[in-house]
Amino acid sequence: MARIIWGTVNQDGKVLNGSGDFSVEHTDTGKYAISFNPGFPSLPGVVATQNNYGDTAQSNMDGVAVPFVNNNYCQINTGDNAKNFRNRSFAFIAIGN
């Protein structure tokens, strides 16, 4: 059966809501390390999106990327529409066995 870890994270790295089996470290501007507790036995799939911007005029060119994933951890990067790392709130989901 698939295991799902999910969460909503504030731009300062504070967990707003989630499944409870992960932690977040805000490592640098626009960079967040998500640790899975416990880790997955095999590589999970991870997706993320920015949310809770607080302004309906947020650009659809603002971005979020998941450049690194392993069984225990993923990195999430957020940025603005000028390709700069920026602190942004986001939600993520990790699914694996």
C-alpha atoms as a PDB file:
ATOM      1  CA  MET A   1       0.000   0.000   0.000  1.00  0.00           C
ATOM      2  CA  ALA A   2       1.250   3.487  -0.824  1.00  0.00           C
ATOM      3  CA  ARG A   3       2.425   5.803   1.934  1.00  0.00           C
ATOM      4  CA  ILE A   4       1.640   9.525   1.662  1.00  0.00           C
ATOM      5  CA  ILE A   5       3.434  12.378   3.419  1.00  0.00           C
ATOM      6  CA  TRP A   6       1.956  15.824   2.843  1.00  0.00           C
ATOM      7  CA  GLY A   7       2.281  19.314   4.214  1.00  0.00           C
ATOM      8  CA  THR A   8       1.687  23.030   3.908  1.00  0.00           C
ATOM      9  CA  VAL A   9       4.722  25.153   4.789  1.00  0.00           C
ATOM     10  CA  ASN A  10       4.897  28.895   5.472  1.00  0.00           C
ATOM     11  CA  GLN A  11       7.527  31.013   3.704  1.00  0.00           C
ATOM     12  CA  ASP A  12       9.618  31.071   6.917  1.00  0.00           C
ATOM     13  CA  GLY A  13       9.719  27.245   6.997  1.00  0.00           C
ATOM     14  CA  LYS A  14       7.086  26.791   9.711  1.00  0.00           C
ATOM     15  CA  VAL A  15       4.787  23.816   9.164  1.00  0.00           C
ATOM     16  CA  LEU A  16       1.183  25.060   8.933  1.00  0.00           C
ATOM     17  CA  ASN A  17      -0.479  21.670   8.453  1.00  0.00           C
ATOM     18  CA  GLY A  18       0.399  18.182   7.384  1.00  0.00           C
ATOM     19  CA  SER A  19       0.645  14.477   7.995  1.00  0.00           C
ATOM     20  CA  GLY A  20       3.051  14.934  10.922  1.00  0.00           C
ATOM     21  CA  ASP A  21       5.774  12.562   9.729  1.00  0.00           C
ATOM     22  CA  PHE A  22       8.155  15.151   8.293  1.00  0.00           C
ATOM     23  CA  SER A  23      10.210  18.144   9.376  1.00  0.00           C
ATOM     24  CA  VAL A  24      11.279  21.282   7.510  1.00  0.00           C
ATOM     25  CA  GLU A  25      14.510  23.256   7.629  1.00  0.00           C
ATOM     26  CA  HIS A  26      14.624  26.648   5.886  1.00  0.00           C
ATOM     27  CA  THR A  27      18.245  26.419   4.691  1.00  0.00           C
ATOM     28  CA  ASP A  28      18.574  29.617   2.623  1.00  0.00           C
ATOM     29  CA  THR A  29      16.448  32.162   0.775  1.00  0.00           C
ATOM     30  CA  GLY A  30      13.921  30.144  -1.232  1.00  0.00           C
ATOM     31  CA  LYS A  31      15.393  26.763  -0.174  1.00  0.00           C
ATOM     32  CA  TYR A  32      13.741  24.234   2.115  1.00  0.00           C
ATOM     33  CA  ALA A  33      14.876  20.770   3.233  1.00  0.00           C
ATOM     34  CA  ILE A  34      12.059  18.326   3.967  1.00  0.00           C
ATOM     35  CA  SER A  35      13.040  15.261   6.026  1.00  0.00           C
ATOM     36  CA  PHE A  36      10.738  12.227   5.987  1.00  0.00           C
ATOM     37  CA  ASN A  37      10.357  10.564   9.415  1.00  0.00           C
ATOM     38  CA  PRO A  38      10.719   7.660   8.893  1.00  0.00           C
ATOM     39  CA  GLY A  39      12.140   7.582   5.395  1.00  0.00           C
ATOM     40  CA  PHE A  40      10.630   5.629   2.524  1.00  0.00           C
ATOM     41  CA  PRO A  41      12.043   2.156   1.720  1.00  0.00           C
ATOM     42  CA  SER A  42      12.218   3.169  -1.961  1.00  0.00           C
ATOM     43  CA  LEU A  43      12.437   6.474  -3.821  1.00  0.00           C
ATOM     44  CA  PRO A  44       9.165   8.461  -3.460  1.00  0.00           C
ATOM     45  CA  GLY A  45       7.577  10.778  -5.984  1.00  0.00           C
ATOM     46  CA  VAL A  46       7.383  14.389  -4.754  1.00  0.00           C
ATOM     47  CA  VAL A  47       5.361  17.292  -6.162  1.00  0.00           C
ATOM     48  CA  ALA A  48       4.962  20.829  -4.801  1.00  0.00           C
ATOM     49  CA  THR A  49       3.172  24.070  -5.579  1.00  0.00           C
ATOM     50  CA  GLN A  50       3.280  27.581  -4.182  1.00  0.00           C
ATOM     51  CA  ASN A  51       0.232  28.710  -2.206  1.00  0.00           C
ATOM     52  CA  ASN A  52      -0.959  31.183   0.421  1.00  0.00           C
ATOM     53  CA  TYR A  53       0.760  34.081  -1.357  1.00  0.00           C
ATOM     54  CA  GLY A  54      -1.825  36.461   0.084  1.00  0.00           C
ATOM     55  CA  ASP A  55      -2.428  38.315  -3.170  1.00  0.00           C
ATOM     56  CA  THR A  56      -4.591  37.175  -6.080  1.00  0.00           C
ATOM     57  CA  ALA A  57      -2.171  38.927  -8.450  1.00  0.00           C
ATOM     58  CA  GLN A  58       0.645  36.406  -7.830  1.00  0.00           C
ATOM     59  CA  SER A  59       2.381  35.694 -11.126  1.00  0.00           C
ATOM     60  CA  ASN A  60       1.927  32.244 -12.620  1.00  0.00           C
ATOM     61  CA  MET A  61       5.615  32.548 -13.537  1.00  0.00           C
ATOM     62  CA  ASP A  62       6.631  32.349  -9.850  1.00  0.00           C
ATOM     63  CA  GLY A  63       7.950  28.868  -9.399  1.00  0.00           C
ATOM     64  CA  VAL A  64       8.648  25.893  -7.225  1.00  0.00           C
ATOM     65  CA  ALA A  65      11.044  23.058  -8.040  1.00  0.00           C
ATOM     66  CA  VAL A  66      12.011  19.796  -6.359  1.00  0.00           C
ATOM     67  CA  PRO A  67      15.628  19.421  -7.547  1.00  0.00           C
ATOM     68  CA  PHE A  68      16.644  16.594  -5.190  1.00  0.00           C
ATOM     69  CA  VAL A  69      14.804  13.589  -3.753  1.00  0.00           C
ATOM     70  CA  ASN A  70      16.029  10.494  -1.930  1.00  0.00           C
ATOM     71  CA  ASN A  71      14.391   8.003   0.452  1.00  0.00           C
ATOM     72  CA  ASN A  72      14.803  10.286   3.487  1.00  0.00           C
ATOM     73  CA  TYR A  73      14.771  13.852   2.200  1.00  0.00           C
ATOM     74  CA  CYS A  74      13.865  16.260  -0.568  1.00  0.00           C
ATOM     75  CA  GLN A  75      14.806  19.837  -1.363  1.00  0.00           C
ATOM     76  CA  ILE A  76      12.195  22.352  -2.441  1.00  0.00           C
ATOM     77  CA  ASN A  77      13.209  25.628  -4.099  1.00  0.00           C
ATOM     78  CA  THR A  78      10.843  28.582  -4.506  1.00  0.00           C
ATOM     79  CA  GLY A  79      11.328  31.741  -6.515  1.00  0.00           C
ATOM     80  CA  ASP A  80       9.917  34.759  -8.270  1.00  0.00           C
ATOM     81  CA  ASN A  81       9.142  35.437 -11.922  1.00  0.00           C
ATOM     82  CA  ALA A  82      12.607  36.997 -12.445  1.00  0.00           C
ATOM     83  CA  LYS A  83      14.352  33.647 -11.727  1.00  0.00           C
ATOM     84  CA  ASN A  84      15.500  34.689  -8.226  1.00  0.00           C
ATOM     85  CA  PHE A  85      15.225  32.474  -5.153  1.00  0.00           C
ATOM     86  CA  ARG A  86      12.504  33.953  -2.922  1.00  0.00           C
ATOM     87  CA  ASN A  87      10.840  32.729   0.246  1.00  0.00           C
ATOM     88  CA  ARG A  88       7.374  31.491  -0.653  1.00  0.00           C
ATOM     89  CA  SER A  89       4.745  29.379   1.085  1.00  0.00           C
ATOM     90  CA  PHE A  90       4.154  26.007  -0.545  1.00  0.00           C
ATOM     91  CA  ALA A  91       2.399  22.683  -0.244  1.00  0.00           C
ATOM     92  CA  PHE A  92       3.931  19.315  -1.097  1.00  0.00           C
ATOM     93  CA  ILE A  93       3.044  15.657  -1.296  1.00  0.00           C
ATOM     94  CA  ALA A  94       5.423  12.686  -1.301  1.00  0.00           C
ATOM     95  CA  ILE A  95       4.104   9.255  -2.283  1.00  0.00           C
ATOM     96  CA  GLY A  96       5.990   5.981  -2.123  1.00  0.00           C
ATOM     97  CA  ASN A  97       5.981   2.411  -0.856  1.00  0.00           C
END
